[in-house]
Amino acid sequence: MSSTIIDIDPHAALLPERIRRFPFPFASDTYRYSANVEPATKTAPTEAGAWGAHLVDIDEHYLDELAERAKVLSRDPSRVNVLPHMRPAVWDALTTLLSSMAEDYPDTMSFQREGNSCRWRNGLQNLEVEFTVGDDSSLPEGPMRFLGSQIQDDIILLDVREDTLWLDAGLVTFAADWSFGFDVGMNFLEIHHPVPRVKEERIISRAEQFLLRLQPGEQFRRTNWTMTIGRRMDTSTETYPEWGPDRSTIADDPAMPEKLHLRVEVQHLIRLPHSGALLFLVRTHLLPLTDIARVPAWREKMGHVLAELPDDMAEYKGIIRYRKAASDWLLAR
């Protein structure tokens, strides 16, 4: 994240909310992997507006994305997995996030807890539910599925043992070219092994040490990015046949600027207060190049980033076949 002063575009107030609230990830004309970690719930200004004030962000796509998640889970229930020892961590995550949402959105949401008895109201869904912490049967389909029906973020829970983090629970329907089902049970270094450069530069090992030092209740965030063709949320490895072939044709498609999206993940890193597990939230935001180009500073930065990005990073992100076409279009505006 950049600590430099942001020059707000004088026309930003006229832009639609989807652009003004977009977490544009580039602080300069070049990009390399880094931890880029900062405290959560700190408003991050951009040239078009700002983002990041809330732990759980709710936007205009809330109901649509939750409906899409339900469809993904109906087709592929393996996108949810909770190893038995992680049940207390799931309940910890649920109560932590519902409490945060009630505080941030008091007009539409409320959460009351007395002992283990809880009442949750979500006015956006016309939902009121009572449940008992620790009793999985008190919520439809269990606490993890219920939490996934209330927030747009993907949910990953990391257990801490043997001075290592282990991916032992989660609900992931909007993965960016990876497989949650394949990674369950792996440790932190194994999960990130395919990422180029990070091993040599010790980025992942330093990130793991940072996470292991987090104290209960501490919350941080970072961003990550790639690109997606169409407004497709589910780009998991399991669905590659549905979206992978588009990578080889989009560069020559006259509609490329409308179809090609910058895909930004806002990743929250939270040490849960009671279980001590690490909660890793991944919220996906998509914005087409046509919208990126409406903010001159974004157009130039992204154009230069794509042009300069090393080939091994472009290959890993899956953008190497069309990144020049996208860069050329942005820089020609």
C-alpha atoms as a PDB file:
ATOM      1  CA  MET A   1       0.000   0.000   0.000  1.00  0.00           C
ATOM      2  CA  SER A   2       1.262   3.482  -0.769  1.00  0.00           C
ATOM      3  CA  SER A   3       1.837   6.128   1.872  1.00  0.00           C
ATOM      4  CA  THR A   4       2.182   8.913  -0.688  1.00  0.00           C
ATOM      5  CA  ILE A   5      -0.328  11.712  -1.087  1.00  0.00           C
ATOM      6  CA  ILE A   6      -3.133  10.823  -3.501  1.00  0.00           C
ATOM      7  CA  ASP A   7      -4.259  13.423  -6.040  1.00  0.00           C
ATOM      8  CA  ILE A   8      -8.024  13.023  -6.286  1.00  0.00           C
ATOM      9  CA  ASP A   9      -9.355  13.311  -9.818  1.00  0.00           C
ATOM     10  CA  PRO A  10     -11.434  16.521  -9.989  1.00  0.00           C
ATOM     11  CA  HIS A  11     -14.192  14.631 -11.815  1.00  0.00           C
ATOM     12  CA  ALA A  12     -14.303  11.735  -9.314  1.00  0.00           C
ATOM     13  CA  ALA A  13     -17.566  12.888  -7.722  1.00  0.00           C
ATOM     14  CA  LEU A  14     -19.295  12.257 -11.070  1.00  0.00           C
ATOM     15  CA  LEU A  15     -18.115   8.662 -11.285  1.00  0.00           C
ATOM     16  CA  PRO A  16     -20.442   5.781 -10.349  1.00  0.00           C
ATOM     17  CA  GLU A  17     -20.053   4.188  -6.931  1.00  0.00           C
ATOM     18  CA  ARG A  18     -18.511   0.996  -8.349  1.00  0.00           C
ATOM     19  CA  ILE A  19     -15.510   3.062  -9.479  1.00  0.00           C
ATOM     20  CA  ARG A  20     -15.304   5.410  -6.489  1.00  0.00           C
ATOM     21  CA  ARG A  21     -15.244   2.458  -4.061  1.00  0.00           C
ATOM     22  CA  PHE A  22     -12.932   0.208  -6.100  1.00  0.00           C
ATOM     23  CA  PRO A  23      -9.709  -0.839  -4.299  1.00  0.00           C
ATOM     24  CA  PHE A  24      -7.287   0.066  -7.090  1.00  0.00           C
ATOM     25  CA  PRO A  25      -4.069  -1.791  -6.181  1.00  0.00           C
ATOM     26  CA  PHE A  26      -1.275   0.040  -7.986  1.00  0.00           C
ATOM     27  CA  ALA A  27       0.657   2.817  -6.246  1.00  0.00           C
ATOM     28  CA  SER A  28       3.173   3.258  -9.075  1.00  0.00           C
ATOM     29  CA  ASP A  29       3.962   2.222 -12.659  1.00  0.00           C
ATOM     30  CA  THR A  30       5.585  -1.073 -11.585  1.00  0.00           C
ATOM     31  CA  TYR A  31       4.457  -4.045  -9.506  1.00  0.00           C
ATOM     32  CA  ARG A  32       6.287  -6.768  -7.606  1.00  0.00           C
ATOM     33  CA  TYR A  33       5.092  -9.238  -4.995  1.00  0.00           C
ATOM     34  CA  SER A  34       5.193  -7.873  -1.459  1.00  0.00           C
ATOM     35  CA  ALA A  35       3.407  -8.384   1.827  1.00  0.00           C
ATOM     36  CA  ASN A  36       1.811  -4.875   1.531  1.00  0.00           C
ATOM     37  CA  VAL A  37       0.122  -5.390   4.886  1.00  0.00           C
ATOM     38  CA  GLU A  38      -1.556  -2.535   6.763  1.00  0.00           C
ATOM     39  CA  PRO A  39      -4.069  -2.218   9.621  1.00  0.00           C
ATOM     40  CA  ALA A  40      -7.653  -3.092   8.698  1.00  0.00           C
ATOM     41  CA  THR A  41     -10.612  -0.670   8.697  1.00  0.00           C
ATOM     42  CA  LYS A  42      -8.444   2.284   7.753  1.00  0.00           C
ATOM     43  CA  THR A  43      -9.925   4.317   4.892  1.00  0.00           C
ATOM     44  CA  ALA A  44      -7.630   4.064   1.860  1.00  0.00           C
ATOM     45  CA  PRO A  45      -7.921   7.000  -0.546  1.00  0.00           C
ATOM     46  CA  THR A  46      -7.565   6.560  -4.311  1.00  0.00           C
ATOM     47  CA  GLU A  47      -7.632   8.992  -7.217  1.00  0.00           C
ATOM     48  CA  ALA A  48     -11.322   8.129  -7.688  1.00  0.00           C
ATOM     49  CA  GLY A  49     -12.533   7.950  -4.082  1.00  0.00           C
ATOM     50  CA  ALA A  50     -11.785   5.619  -1.173  1.00  0.00           C
ATOM     51  CA  TRP A  51     -12.290   2.105   0.175  1.00  0.00           C
ATOM     52  CA  GLY A  52     -11.574   0.001   3.235  1.00  0.00           C
ATOM     53  CA  ALA A  53     -13.508   1.633   6.079  1.00  0.00           C
ATOM     54  CA  HIS A  54     -15.221  -1.624   7.130  1.00  0.00           C
ATOM     55  CA  LEU A  55     -13.990  -5.116   7.900  1.00  0.00           C
ATOM     56  CA  VAL A  56     -16.883  -6.598   5.917  1.00  0.00           C
ATOM     57  CA  ASP A  57     -17.666  -4.515   2.856  1.00  0.00           C
ATOM     58  CA  ILE A  58     -21.207  -4.573   1.458  1.00  0.00           C
ATOM     59  CA  ASP A  59     -21.836  -3.071  -1.962  1.00  0.00           C
ATOM     60  CA  GLU A  60     -24.355  -3.035  -4.807  1.00  0.00           C
ATOM     61  CA  HIS A  61     -23.446  -6.630  -5.756  1.00  0.00           C
ATOM     62  CA  TYR A  62     -24.301  -8.061  -2.327  1.00  0.00           C
ATOM     63  CA  LEU A  63     -27.431 -10.043  -3.143  1.00  0.00           C
ATOM     64  CA  ASP A  64     -26.271 -11.070  -6.631  1.00  0.00           C
ATOM     65  CA  GLU A  65     -22.946 -12.432  -5.387  1.00  0.00           C
ATOM     66  CA  LEU A  66     -24.557 -14.342  -2.535  1.00  0.00           C
ATOM     67  CA  ALA A  67     -27.016 -15.862  -5.011  1.00  0.00           C
ATOM     68  CA  GLU A  68     -24.093 -16.848  -7.241  1.00  0.00           C
ATOM     69  CA  ARG A  69     -22.322 -18.398  -4.241  1.00  0.00           C
ATOM     70  CA  ALA A  70     -25.412 -20.486  -3.467  1.00  0.00           C
ATOM     71  CA  LYS A  71     -25.417 -21.794  -7.045  1.00  0.00           C
ATOM     72  CA  VAL A  72     -21.722 -22.702  -6.878  1.00  0.00           C
ATOM     73  CA  LEU A  73     -22.224 -24.577  -3.599  1.00  0.00           C
ATOM     74  CA  SER A  74     -25.237 -26.384  -5.008  1.00  0.00           C
ATOM     75  CA  ARG A  75     -23.134 -27.595  -7.947  1.00  0.00           C
ATOM     76  CA  ASP A  76     -20.028 -28.344  -5.920  1.00  0.00           C
ATOM     77  CA  PRO A  77     -20.441 -28.880  -2.153  1.00  0.00           C
ATOM     78  CA  SER A  78     -16.691 -29.578  -1.854  1.00  0.00           C
ATOM     79  CA  ARG A  79     -16.130 -25.812  -1.832  1.00  0.00           C
ATOM     80  CA  VAL A  80     -16.907 -26.035   1.911  1.00  0.00           C
ATOM     81  CA  ASN A  81     -14.739 -28.096   4.226  1.00  0.00           C
ATOM     82  CA  VAL A  82     -14.283 -27.916   7.992  1.00  0.00           C
ATOM     83  CA  LEU A  83     -11.920 -30.393   9.609  1.00  0.00           C
ATOM     84  CA  PRO A  84     -13.419 -31.498  12.953  1.00  0.00           C
ATOM     85  CA  HIS A  85     -10.944 -29.689  15.202  1.00  0.00           C
ATOM     86  CA  MET A  86     -11.821 -26.350  13.520  1.00  0.00           C
ATOM     87  CA  ARG A  87     -15.468 -26.207  14.650  1.00  0.00           C
ATOM     88  CA  PRO A  88     -14.740 -23.785  17.535  1.00  0.00           C
ATOM     89  CA  ALA A  89     -12.839 -21.519  15.131  1.00  0.00           C
ATOM     90  CA  VAL A  90     -15.830 -21.405  12.759  1.00  0.00           C
ATOM     91  CA  TRP A  91     -18.103 -20.270  15.574  1.00  0.00           C
ATOM     92  CA  ASP A  92     -15.490 -17.718  16.633  1.00  0.00           C
ATOM     93  CA  ALA A  93     -15.374 -16.344  13.076  1.00  0.00           C
ATOM     94  CA  LEU A  94     -19.158 -16.224  12.807  1.00  0.00           C
ATOM     95  CA  THR A  95     -19.747 -14.282  16.020  1.00  0.00           C
ATOM     96  CA  THR A  96     -16.800 -11.957  15.377  1.00  0.00           C
ATOM     97  CA  LEU A  97     -18.008 -10.995  11.893  1.00  0.00           C
ATOM     98  CA  LEU A  98     -21.721 -10.715  12.682  1.00  0.00           C
ATOM     99  CA  SER A  99     -20.867  -8.410  15.576  1.00  0.00           C
ATOM    100  CA  SER A 100     -18.676  -6.291  13.303  1.00  0.00           C
ATOM    101  CA  MET A 101     -21.374  -6.046  10.628  1.00  0.00           C
ATOM    102  CA  ALA A 102     -24.018  -5.008  13.164  1.00  0.00           C
ATOM    103  CA  GLU A 103     -21.723  -2.229  14.368  1.00  0.00           C
ATOM    104  CA  ASP A 104     -20.881  -1.003  10.861  1.00  0.00           C
ATOM    105  CA  TYR A 105     -24.401  -1.286   9.368  1.00  0.00           C
ATOM    106  CA  PRO A 106     -26.807  -0.563  12.257  1.00  0.00           C
ATOM    107  CA  ASP A 107     -29.606   0.546   9.919  1.00  0.00           C
ATOM    108  CA  THR A 108     -29.901  -2.889   8.342  1.00  0.00           C
ATOM    109  CA  MET A 109     -28.237  -5.361  10.709  1.00  0.00           C
ATOM    110  CA  SER A 110     -28.212  -6.221  14.410  1.00  0.00           C
ATOM    111  CA  PHE A 111     -26.615  -8.896  16.588  1.00  0.00           C
ATOM    112  CA  GLN A 112     -27.458  -9.706  20.199  1.00  0.00           C
ATOM    113  CA  ARG A 113     -25.756 -12.337  22.325  1.00  0.00           C
ATOM    114  CA  GLU A 114     -26.537 -13.562  25.820  1.00  0.00           C
ATOM    115  CA  GLY A 115     -24.228 -16.375  26.791  1.00  0.00           C
ATOM    116  CA  ASN A 116     -24.363 -18.750  23.838  1.00  0.00           C
ATOM    117  CA  SER A 117     -27.821 -17.627  22.690  1.00  0.00           C
ATOM    118  CA  CYS A 118     -27.692 -15.260  19.696  1.00  0.00           C
ATOM    119  CA  ARG A 119     -30.132 -13.342  17.540  1.00  0.00           C
ATOM    120  CA  TRP A 120     -29.116 -12.011  14.117  1.00  0.00           C
ATOM    121  CA  ARG A 121     -31.118  -9.677  11.885  1.00  0.00           C
ATOM    122  CA  ASN A 122     -30.168  -8.906   8.299  1.00  0.00           C
ATOM    123  CA  GLY A 123     -32.565  -6.415   6.781  1.00  0.00           C
ATOM    124  CA  LEU A 124     -30.976  -6.719   3.332  1.00  0.00           C
ATOM    125  CA  GLN A 125     -32.188 -10.317   3.243  1.00  0.00           C
ATOM    126  CA  ASN A 126     -35.340  -9.869   5.369  1.00  0.00           C
ATOM    127  CA  LEU A 127     -33.777 -12.427   7.677  1.00  0.00           C
ATOM    128  CA  GLU A 128     -34.068 -12.947  11.429  1.00  0.00           C
ATOM    129  CA  VAL A 129     -32.532 -16.024  13.016  1.00  0.00           C
ATOM    130  CA  GLU A 130     -31.767 -17.310  16.494  1.00  0.00           C
ATOM    131  CA  PHE A 131     -28.979 -19.799  17.116  1.00  0.00           C
ATOM    132  CA  THR A 132     -26.810 -21.276  19.849  1.00  0.00           C
ATOM    133  CA  VAL A 133     -23.038 -20.948  19.658  1.00  0.00           C
ATOM    134  CA  GLY A 134     -21.503 -24.421  19.520  1.00  0.00           C
ATOM    135  CA  ASP A 135     -24.680 -26.140  18.283  1.00  0.00           C
ATOM    136  CA  ASP A 136     -24.184 -26.671  14.544  1.00  0.00           C
ATOM    137  CA  SER A 137     -27.776 -27.861  14.151  1.00  0.00           C
ATOM    138  CA  SER A 138     -29.117 -24.486  15.311  1.00  0.00           C
ATOM    139  CA  LEU A 139     -28.225 -22.926  11.949  1.00  0.00           C
ATOM    140  CA  PRO A 140     -29.397 -24.108   8.533  1.00  0.00           C
ATOM    141  CA  GLU A 141     -26.560 -26.150   6.975  1.00  0.00           C
ATOM    142  CA  GLY A 142     -24.208 -25.267   9.846  1.00  0.00           C
ATOM    143  CA  PRO A 143     -22.255 -22.151  10.861  1.00  0.00           C
ATOM    144  CA  MET A 144     -19.769 -22.058   7.965  1.00  0.00           C
ATOM    145  CA  ARG A 145     -22.446 -22.232   5.279  1.00  0.00           C
ATOM    146  CA  PHE A 146     -24.490 -19.657   7.174  1.00  0.00           C
ATOM    147  CA  LEU A 147     -21.574 -17.232   7.414  1.00  0.00           C
ATOM    148  CA  GLY A 148     -20.979 -17.659   3.695  1.00  0.00           C
ATOM    149  CA  SER A 149     -24.590 -16.650   3.075  1.00  0.00           C
ATOM    150  CA  GLN A 150     -24.113 -13.357   4.943  1.00  0.00           C
ATOM    151  CA  ILE A 151     -20.825 -11.994   3.584  1.00  0.00           C
ATOM    152  CA  GLN A 152     -19.439 -11.667   0.054  1.00  0.00           C
ATOM    153  CA  ASP A 153     -15.942 -12.713   1.136  1.00  0.00           C
ATOM    154  CA  ASP A 154     -14.497 -16.176   0.728  1.00  0.00           C
ATOM    155  CA  ILE A 155     -13.581 -17.610   4.133  1.00  0.00           C
ATOM    156  CA  ILE A 156     -10.385 -19.476   5.043  1.00  0.00           C
ATOM    157  CA  LEU A 157      -9.414 -20.613   8.534  1.00  0.00           C
ATOM    158  CA  LEU A 158      -5.816 -21.415   9.370  1.00  0.00           C
ATOM    159  CA  ASP A 159      -4.939 -23.526  12.384  1.00  0.00           C
ATOM    160  CA  VAL A 160      -1.747 -22.799  14.318  1.00  0.00           C
ATOM    161  CA  ARG A 161       0.329 -25.814  15.351  1.00  0.00           C
ATOM    162  CA  GLU A 162       3.990 -26.836  15.199  1.00  0.00           C
ATOM    163  CA  ASP A 163       4.869 -23.142  14.640  1.00  0.00           C
ATOM    164  CA  THR A 164       3.145 -23.394  11.269  1.00  0.00           C
ATOM    165  CA  LEU A 165      -0.174 -22.357   9.717  1.00  0.00           C
ATOM    166  CA  TRP A 166      -2.438 -25.056   8.272  1.00  0.00           C
ATOM    167  CA  LEU A 167      -5.439 -24.511   5.971  1.00  0.00           C
ATOM    168  CA  ASP A 168      -7.944 -26.663   7.826  1.00  0.00           C
ATOM    169  CA  ALA A 169     -11.335 -25.060   7.108  1.00  0.00           C
ATOM    170  CA  GLY A 170     -13.048 -22.726   4.720  1.00  0.00           C
ATOM    171  CA  LEU A 171     -15.726 -21.797   2.231  1.00  0.00           C
ATOM    172  CA  VAL A 172     -14.294 -20.687  -1.103  1.00  0.00           C
ATOM    173  CA  THR A 173     -16.522 -20.172  -4.131  1.00  0.00           C
ATOM    174  CA  PHE A 174     -14.691 -17.299  -5.870  1.00  0.00           C
ATOM    175  CA  ALA A 175     -11.120 -18.594  -6.120  1.00  0.00           C
ATOM    176  CA  ALA A 176      -8.787 -16.926  -8.618  1.00  0.00           C
ATOM    177  CA  ASP A 177      -7.258 -19.897 -10.490  1.00  0.00           C
ATOM    178  CA  TRP A 178      -6.651 -22.179  -7.511  1.00  0.00           C
ATOM    179  CA  SER A 179      -8.449 -25.059  -5.829  1.00  0.00           C
ATOM    180  CA  PHE A 180      -9.593 -24.862  -2.221  1.00  0.00           C
ATOM    181  CA  GLY A 181     -10.370 -28.575  -2.198  1.00  0.00           C
ATOM    182  CA  PHE A 182      -6.809 -29.381  -3.268  1.00  0.00           C
ATOM    183  CA  ASP A 183      -5.227 -27.084  -0.668  1.00  0.00           C
ATOM    184  CA  VAL A 184      -7.212 -28.177   2.413  1.00  0.00           C
ATOM    185  CA  GLY A 185      -4.848 -29.756   4.911  1.00  0.00           C
ATOM    186  CA  MET A 186      -1.721 -28.134   3.446  1.00  0.00           C
ATOM    187  CA  ASN A 187       0.539 -25.803   5.372  1.00  0.00           C
ATOM    188  CA  PHE A 188       1.191 -22.172   4.494  1.00  0.00           C
ATOM    189  CA  LEU A 189       4.444 -22.729   2.593  1.00  0.00           C
ATOM    190  CA  GLU A 190       3.037 -25.667   0.604  1.00  0.00           C
ATOM    191  CA  ILE A 191       0.031 -23.610  -0.512  1.00  0.00           C
ATOM    192  CA  HIS A 192       2.209 -20.776  -1.836  1.00  0.00           C
ATOM    193  CA  HIS A 193       4.954 -22.921  -3.348  1.00  0.00           C
ATOM    194  CA  PRO A 194       3.825 -22.373  -7.011  1.00  0.00           C
ATOM    195  CA  VAL A 195       3.993 -18.570  -6.779  1.00  0.00           C
ATOM    196  CA  PRO A 196       7.102 -17.330  -8.670  1.00  0.00           C
ATOM    197  CA  ARG A 197       9.805 -15.324  -6.860  1.00  0.00           C
ATOM    198  CA  VAL A 198       8.248 -15.475  -3.407  1.00  0.00           C
ATOM    199  CA  LYS A 199      10.430 -18.365  -2.213  1.00  0.00           C
ATOM    200  CA  GLU A 200      13.670 -16.783  -3.385  1.00  0.00           C
ATOM    201  CA  GLU A 201      12.697 -13.437  -1.866  1.00  0.00           C
ATOM    202  CA  ARG A 202      11.399 -15.103   1.354  1.00  0.00           C
ATOM    203  CA  ILE A 203       8.125 -13.163   1.106  1.00  0.00           C
ATOM    204  CA  ILE A 204       5.958 -16.099   2.176  1.00  0.00           C
ATOM    205  CA  SER A 205       8.130 -17.154   5.105  1.00  0.00           C
ATOM    206  CA  ARG A 206       8.192 -13.565   6.383  1.00  0.00           C
ATOM    207  CA  ALA A 207       4.422 -13.302   5.927  1.00  0.00           C
ATOM    208  CA  GLU A 208       3.884 -16.493   7.910  1.00  0.00           C
ATOM    209  CA  GLN A 209       6.038 -15.223  10.752  1.00  0.00           C
ATOM    210  CA  PHE A 210       4.037 -11.985  10.791  1.00  0.00           C
ATOM    211  CA  LEU A 211       0.771 -13.922  10.996  1.00  0.00           C
ATOM    212  CA  LEU A 212       2.050 -16.192  13.751  1.00  0.00           C
ATOM    213  CA  ARG A 213       2.878 -13.109  15.836  1.00  0.00           C
ATOM    214  CA  LEU A 214      -0.618 -11.626  15.558  1.00  0.00           C
ATOM    215  CA  GLN A 215      -2.368 -11.249  18.895  1.00  0.00           C
ATOM    216  CA  PRO A 216      -6.018 -12.232  19.512  1.00  0.00           C
ATOM    217  CA  GLY A 217      -8.314  -9.571  18.059  1.00  0.00           C
ATOM    218  CA  GLU A 218      -5.679  -7.971  15.794  1.00  0.00           C
ATOM    219  CA  GLN A 219      -6.815  -7.279  12.221  1.00  0.00           C
ATOM    220  CA  PHE A 220      -4.779  -6.442   9.134  1.00  0.00           C
ATOM    221  CA  ARG A 221      -5.346  -6.420   5.387  1.00  0.00           C
ATOM    222  CA  ARG A 222      -3.549  -6.545   2.051  1.00  0.00           C
ATOM    223  CA  THR A 223      -4.466  -6.534  -1.638  1.00  0.00           C
ATOM    224  CA  ASN A 224      -3.710  -8.916  -4.473  1.00  0.00           C
ATOM    225  CA  TRP A 225      -4.682  -8.717  -8.146  1.00  0.00           C
ATOM    226  CA  THR A 226      -5.025 -10.571 -11.415  1.00  0.00           C
ATOM    227  CA  MET A 227      -7.357 -10.212 -14.421  1.00  0.00           C
ATOM    228  CA  THR A 228     -10.570 -11.991 -15.401  1.00  0.00           C
ATOM    229  CA  ILE A 229     -12.491 -12.176 -18.666  1.00  0.00           C
ATOM    230  CA  GLY A 230     -16.125 -11.281 -18.076  1.00  0.00           C
ATOM    231  CA  ARG A 231     -17.630 -10.621 -14.670  1.00  0.00           C
ATOM    232  CA  ARG A 232     -16.942 -14.193 -13.595  1.00  0.00           C
ATOM    233  CA  MET A 233     -16.509 -14.639  -9.853  1.00  0.00           C
ATOM    234  CA  ASP A 234     -15.794 -18.377  -9.864  1.00  0.00           C
ATOM    235  CA  THR A 235     -12.475 -18.856 -11.647  1.00  0.00           C
ATOM    236  CA  SER A 236     -11.417 -21.878  -9.623  1.00  0.00           C
ATOM    237  CA  THR A 237      -9.243 -24.615 -11.078  1.00  0.00           C
ATOM    238  CA  GLU A 238     -12.315 -26.869 -11.100  1.00  0.00           C
ATOM    239  CA  THR A 239     -14.093 -24.604 -13.609  1.00  0.00           C
ATOM    240  CA  TYR A 240     -11.059 -23.898 -15.834  1.00  0.00           C
ATOM    241  CA  PRO A 241     -12.645 -25.502 -18.935  1.00  0.00           C
ATOM    242  CA  GLU A 242     -15.392 -22.863 -18.753  1.00  0.00           C
ATOM    243  CA  TRP A 243     -13.133 -19.795 -18.715  1.00  0.00           C
ATOM    244  CA  GLY A 244      -9.587 -20.839 -19.568  1.00  0.00           C
ATOM    245  CA  PRO A 245      -9.973 -20.912 -23.369  1.00  0.00           C
ATOM    246  CA  ASP A 246     -11.028 -17.245 -23.396  1.00  0.00           C
ATOM    247  CA  ARG A 247      -7.469 -16.267 -22.468  1.00  0.00           C
ATOM    248  CA  SER A 248      -6.246 -17.189 -25.948  1.00  0.00           C
ATOM    249  CA  THR A 249      -8.888 -15.171 -27.846  1.00  0.00           C
ATOM    250  CA  ILE A 250      -9.559 -12.027 -25.807  1.00  0.00           C
ATOM    251  CA  ALA A 251      -6.596 -10.054 -27.206  1.00  0.00           C
ATOM    252  CA  ASP A 252      -8.202 -10.026 -30.659  1.00  0.00           C
ATOM    253  CA  ASP A 253     -11.757  -9.440 -29.459  1.00  0.00           C
ATOM    254  CA  PRO A 254     -13.057  -5.953 -30.346  1.00  0.00           C
ATOM    255  CA  ALA A 255     -15.023  -6.053 -27.084  1.00  0.00           C
ATOM    256  CA  MET A 256     -11.886  -6.655 -25.003  1.00  0.00           C
ATOM    257  CA  PRO A 257     -12.132  -3.337 -23.050  1.00  0.00           C
ATOM    258  CA  GLU A 258     -15.623  -4.226 -21.838  1.00  0.00           C
ATOM    259  CA  LYS A 259     -14.906  -7.923 -21.201  1.00  0.00           C
ATOM    260  CA  LEU A 260     -11.488  -7.750 -19.554  1.00  0.00           C
ATOM    261  CA  HIS A 261     -11.655  -6.968 -15.821  1.00  0.00           C
ATOM    262  CA  LEU A 262      -9.056  -6.015 -13.264  1.00  0.00           C
ATOM    263  CA  ARG A 263      -9.660  -8.462 -10.412  1.00  0.00           C
ATOM    264  CA  VAL A 264      -8.612  -7.198  -6.979  1.00  0.00           C
ATOM    265  CA  GLU A 265      -8.763  -9.186  -3.771  1.00  0.00           C
ATOM    266  CA  VAL A 266      -8.950  -7.360  -0.466  1.00  0.00           C
ATOM    267  CA  GLN A 267      -7.609  -9.941   1.967  1.00  0.00           C
ATOM    268  CA  HIS A 268      -8.252  -9.498   5.684  1.00  0.00           C
ATOM    269  CA  LEU A 269      -6.032 -11.269   8.203  1.00  0.00           C
ATOM    270  CA  ILE A 270      -7.595 -11.648  11.662  1.00  0.00           C
ATOM    271  CA  ARG A 271      -6.415 -13.465  14.771  1.00  0.00           C
ATOM    272  CA  LEU A 272      -9.684 -14.674  16.228  1.00  0.00           C
ATOM    273  CA  PRO A 273     -10.207 -13.616  19.848  1.00  0.00           C
ATOM    274  CA  HIS A 274     -11.278 -16.921  21.422  1.00  0.00           C
ATOM    275  CA  SER A 275      -9.983 -19.840  19.343  1.00  0.00           C
ATOM    276  CA  GLY A 276      -6.681 -18.235  18.346  1.00  0.00           C
ATOM    277  CA  ALA A 277      -7.121 -19.409  14.740  1.00  0.00           C
ATOM    278  CA  LEU A 278      -6.227 -17.139  11.818  1.00  0.00           C
ATOM    279  CA  LEU A 279      -9.226 -15.963   9.797  1.00  0.00           C
ATOM    280  CA  PHE A 280      -8.360 -15.096   6.217  1.00  0.00           C
ATOM    281  CA  LEU A 281     -11.143 -13.273   4.346  1.00  0.00           C
ATOM    282  CA  VAL A 282     -10.868 -12.784   0.581  1.00  0.00           C
ATOM    283  CA  ARG A 283     -13.222 -10.249  -0.972  1.00  0.00           C
ATOM    284  CA  THR A 284     -13.142 -10.103  -4.776  1.00  0.00           C
ATOM    285  CA  HIS A 285     -13.782  -6.876  -6.724  1.00  0.00           C
ATOM    286  CA  LEU A 286     -14.052  -6.720 -10.524  1.00  0.00           C
ATOM    287  CA  LEU A 287     -13.848  -3.622 -12.747  1.00  0.00           C
ATOM    288  CA  PRO A 288     -13.653  -3.618 -16.581  1.00  0.00           C
ATOM    289  CA  LEU A 289     -10.933  -1.765 -18.448  1.00  0.00           C
ATOM    290  CA  THR A 290     -13.541   0.680 -19.732  1.00  0.00           C
ATOM    291  CA  ASP A 291     -14.139   1.791 -16.130  1.00  0.00           C
ATOM    292  CA  ILE A 292     -10.423   1.799 -15.271  1.00  0.00           C
ATOM    293  CA  ALA A 293      -9.868   4.161 -18.211  1.00  0.00           C
ATOM    294  CA  ARG A 294     -12.348   6.689 -16.765  1.00  0.00           C
ATOM    295  CA  VAL A 295      -9.747   7.545 -14.108  1.00  0.00           C
ATOM    296  CA  PRO A 296      -6.674   8.910 -15.965  1.00  0.00           C
ATOM    297  CA  ALA A 297      -4.195   8.043 -13.202  1.00  0.00           C
ATOM    298  CA  TRP A 298      -5.485   4.448 -13.064  1.00  0.00           C
ATOM    299  CA  ARG A 299      -5.348   4.086 -16.840  1.00  0.00           C
ATOM    300  CA  GLU A 300      -1.701   5.147 -16.958  1.00  0.00           C
ATOM    301  CA  LYS A 301      -0.532   3.172 -13.924  1.00  0.00           C
ATOM    302  CA  MET A 302      -2.226  -0.059 -14.960  1.00  0.00           C
ATOM    303  CA  GLY A 303      -1.061   0.334 -18.558  1.00  0.00           C
ATOM    304  CA  HIS A 304       2.553   0.692 -17.448  1.00  0.00           C
ATOM    305  CA  VAL A 305       2.288  -2.120 -14.858  1.00  0.00           C
ATOM    306  CA  LEU A 306       1.049  -4.564 -17.497  1.00  0.00           C
ATOM    307  CA  ALA A 307       3.756  -3.512 -19.953  1.00  0.00           C
ATOM    308  CA  GLU A 308       6.587  -3.817 -17.420  1.00  0.00           C
ATOM    309  CA  LEU A 309       5.461  -6.930 -15.497  1.00  0.00           C
ATOM    310  CA  PRO A 310       8.088  -9.733 -15.762  1.00  0.00           C
ATOM    311  CA  ASP A 311       7.051 -12.664 -17.914  1.00  0.00           C
ATOM    312  CA  ASP A 312       7.149 -15.227 -15.098  1.00  0.00           C
ATOM    313  CA  MET A 313       4.692 -13.164 -13.043  1.00  0.00           C
ATOM    314  CA  ALA A 314       2.455 -12.550 -16.067  1.00  0.00           C
ATOM    315  CA  GLU A 315       2.482 -16.278 -16.827  1.00  0.00           C
ATOM    316  CA  TYR A 316       1.559 -17.218 -13.256  1.00  0.00           C
ATOM    317  CA  LYS A 317      -1.302 -14.714 -13.243  1.00  0.00           C
ATOM    318  CA  GLY A 318      -2.535 -16.155 -16.549  1.00  0.00           C
ATOM    319  CA  ILE A 319      -2.427 -12.821 -18.365  1.00  0.00           C
ATOM    320  CA  ILE A 320       0.643 -13.229 -20.564  1.00  0.00           C
ATOM    321  CA  ARG A 321      -1.337 -13.831 -23.770  1.00  0.00           C
ATOM    322  CA  TYR A 322      -3.316 -10.619 -23.570  1.00  0.00           C
ATOM    323  CA  ARG A 323      -1.459  -8.246 -21.254  1.00  0.00           C
ATOM    324  CA  LYS A 324       0.186  -6.369 -24.191  1.00  0.00           C
ATOM    325  CA  ALA A 325      -3.186  -5.813 -25.887  1.00  0.00           C
ATOM    326  CA  ALA A 326      -4.641  -4.538 -22.619  1.00  0.00           C
ATOM    327  CA  SER A 327      -1.644  -2.300 -21.947  1.00  0.00           C
ATOM    328  CA  ASP A 328      -1.677  -0.890 -25.471  1.00  0.00           C
ATOM    329  CA  TRP A 329      -5.384  -0.073 -25.214  1.00  0.00           C
ATOM    330  CA  LEU A 330      -5.021   1.663 -21.843  1.00  0.00           C
ATOM    331  CA  LEU A 331      -2.005   3.740 -22.864  1.00  0.00           C
ATOM    332  CA  ALA A 332      -3.565   4.764 -26.167  1.00  0.00           C
ATOM    333  CA  ARG A 333      -6.548   6.453 -24.539  1.00  0.00           C
END
